[in-house]
Amino acid sequence: MMEALELRMLDESLHEHRQAFLNFAVRAEKKAGKGKTKPVYKRFRQFFDFDKELKKMKNRRKPSRFAGITKLLDREE
């Protein structure tokens, strides 16, 4: 259940970042020479990398408190 909650929160974060990107992308520019400008972010992934955030979330999880017991039971068989 905790994983489902975390995934839902990550999806909400994706939606928020995507909306912020669209709002920001309309105006965000940087200088690209004399009197010229270009967009700061050409692609959404440069702004928010969903796959990278998902990997971070999965790596952050702590092992179950029963992980040690499972290892012991596996050895005895």
C-alpha atoms as a PDB file:
ATOM      1  CA  MET A   1       0.000   0.000   0.000  1.00  0.00           C
ATOM      2  CA  MET A   2       2.877   2.339   0.765  1.00  0.00           C
ATOM      3  CA  GLU A   3       4.334   1.787  -2.683  1.00  0.00           C
ATOM      4  CA  ALA A   4       0.990   2.655  -4.279  1.00  0.00           C
ATOM      5  CA  LEU A   5       0.847   5.877  -2.275  1.00  0.00           C
ATOM      6  CA  GLU A   6       4.405   6.795  -3.279  1.00  0.00           C
ATOM      7  CA  LEU A   7       3.663   6.072  -6.938  1.00  0.00           C
ATOM      8  CA  ARG A   8       0.511   8.190  -6.794  1.00  0.00           C
ATOM      9  CA  MET A   9       2.469  11.035  -5.216  1.00  0.00           C
ATOM     10  CA  LEU A  10       5.135  10.702  -7.922  1.00  0.00           C
ATOM     11  CA  ASP A  11       2.431  10.878 -10.606  1.00  0.00           C
ATOM     12  CA  GLU A  12       1.045  14.030  -8.981  1.00  0.00           C
ATOM     13  CA  SER A  13       4.541  15.482  -8.902  1.00  0.00           C
ATOM     14  CA  LEU A  14       4.931  14.674 -12.599  1.00  0.00           C
ATOM     15  CA  HIS A  15       1.703  16.493 -13.351  1.00  0.00           C
ATOM     16  CA  GLU A  16       2.767  19.535 -11.301  1.00  0.00           C
ATOM     17  CA  HIS A  17       6.201  19.685 -12.928  1.00  0.00           C
ATOM     18  CA  ARG A  18       4.728  19.279 -16.402  1.00  0.00           C
ATOM     19  CA  GLN A  19       2.301  22.144 -15.762  1.00  0.00           C
ATOM     20  CA  ALA A  20       5.095  24.314 -14.380  1.00  0.00           C
ATOM     21  CA  PHE A  21       7.211  23.458 -17.418  1.00  0.00           C
ATOM     22  CA  LEU A  22       4.494  24.501 -19.804  1.00  0.00           C
ATOM     23  CA  ASN A  23       3.938  27.759 -17.927  1.00  0.00           C
ATOM     24  CA  PHE A  24       7.650  28.466 -17.758  1.00  0.00           C
ATOM     25  CA  ALA A  25       8.564  27.292 -21.261  1.00  0.00           C
ATOM     26  CA  VAL A  26       6.416  29.947 -22.860  1.00  0.00           C
ATOM     27  CA  ARG A  27       8.659  32.686 -21.472  1.00  0.00           C
ATOM     28  CA  ALA A  28      11.991  31.110 -20.506  1.00  0.00           C
ATOM     29  CA  GLU A  29      14.820  32.174 -22.777  1.00  0.00           C
ATOM     30  CA  LYS A  30      18.551  32.749 -22.517  1.00  0.00           C
ATOM     31  CA  LYS A  31      20.900  34.835 -24.588  1.00  0.00           C
ATOM     32  CA  ALA A  32      22.362  33.114 -27.617  1.00  0.00           C
ATOM     33  CA  GLY A  33      24.451  35.820 -29.146  1.00  0.00           C
ATOM     34  CA  LYS A  34      23.993  39.442 -29.952  1.00  0.00           C
ATOM     35  CA  GLY A  35      20.315  40.264 -29.539  1.00  0.00           C
ATOM     36  CA  LYS A  36      19.168  36.663 -29.930  1.00  0.00           C
ATOM     37  CA  THR A  37      17.611  34.320 -27.403  1.00  0.00           C
ATOM     38  CA  LYS A  38      16.854  30.615 -27.246  1.00  0.00           C
ATOM     39  CA  PRO A  39      14.754  28.437 -24.904  1.00  0.00           C
ATOM     40  CA  VAL A  40      16.361  27.332 -21.657  1.00  0.00           C
ATOM     41  CA  TYR A  41      14.812  23.831 -21.834  1.00  0.00           C
ATOM     42  CA  LYS A  42      14.350  22.284 -25.257  1.00  0.00           C
ATOM     43  CA  ARG A  43      12.762  19.110 -23.901  1.00  0.00           C
ATOM     44  CA  PHE A  44      10.584  18.337 -20.903  1.00  0.00           C
ATOM     45  CA  ARG A  45      12.991  15.634 -19.703  1.00  0.00           C
ATOM     46  CA  GLN A  46      15.677  18.282 -19.162  1.00  0.00           C
ATOM     47  CA  PHE A  47      13.284  19.942 -16.726  1.00  0.00           C
ATOM     48  CA  PHE A  48      11.951  16.819 -14.963  1.00  0.00           C
ATOM     49  CA  ASP A  49      13.283  13.308 -15.593  1.00  0.00           C
ATOM     50  CA  PHE A  50      10.498  10.957 -14.464  1.00  0.00           C
ATOM     51  CA  ASP A  51      12.567   7.780 -14.923  1.00  0.00           C
ATOM     52  CA  LYS A  52      15.417   9.201 -12.831  1.00  0.00           C
ATOM     53  CA  GLU A  53      13.005  10.201 -10.061  1.00  0.00           C
ATOM     54  CA  LEU A  54      11.387   6.753 -10.133  1.00  0.00           C
ATOM     55  CA  LYS A  55      14.788   5.056  -9.760  1.00  0.00           C
ATOM     56  CA  LYS A  56      15.638   7.352  -6.846  1.00  0.00           C
ATOM     57  CA  MET A  57      12.372   6.485  -5.148  1.00  0.00           C
ATOM     58  CA  LYS A  58      12.879   2.732  -5.574  1.00  0.00           C
ATOM     59  CA  ASN A  59      16.483   2.883  -4.301  1.00  0.00           C
ATOM     60  CA  ARG A  60      15.404   4.842  -1.243  1.00  0.00           C
ATOM     61  CA  ARG A  61      13.163   2.043   0.027  1.00  0.00           C
ATOM     62  CA  LYS A  62      14.353   0.226   3.095  1.00  0.00           C
ATOM     63  CA  PRO A  63      14.377  -3.572   3.104  1.00  0.00           C
ATOM     64  CA  SER A  64      11.543  -5.304   4.920  1.00  0.00           C
ATOM     65  CA  ARG A  65      12.071  -6.102   8.585  1.00  0.00           C
ATOM     66  CA  PHE A  66      11.441  -9.736   7.626  1.00  0.00           C
ATOM     67  CA  ALA A  67      14.237  -9.831   5.034  1.00  0.00           C
ATOM     68  CA  GLY A  68      16.673 -11.449   7.511  1.00  0.00           C
ATOM     69  CA  ILE A  69      14.189 -14.162   8.449  1.00  0.00           C
ATOM     70  CA  THR A  70      13.605 -14.973   4.794  1.00  0.00           C
ATOM     71  CA  LYS A  71      17.356 -15.401   4.259  1.00  0.00           C
ATOM     72  CA  LEU A  72      17.618 -17.777   7.246  1.00  0.00           C
ATOM     73  CA  LEU A  73      14.693 -19.870   6.039  1.00  0.00           C
ATOM     74  CA  ASP A  74      16.174 -20.098   2.561  1.00  0.00           C
ATOM     75  CA  ARG A  75      19.488 -21.400   3.983  1.00  0.00           C
ATOM     76  CA  GLU A  76      17.845 -24.193   5.981  1.00  0.00           C
ATOM     77  CA  GLU A  77      16.157 -25.741   2.933  1.00  0.00           C
END
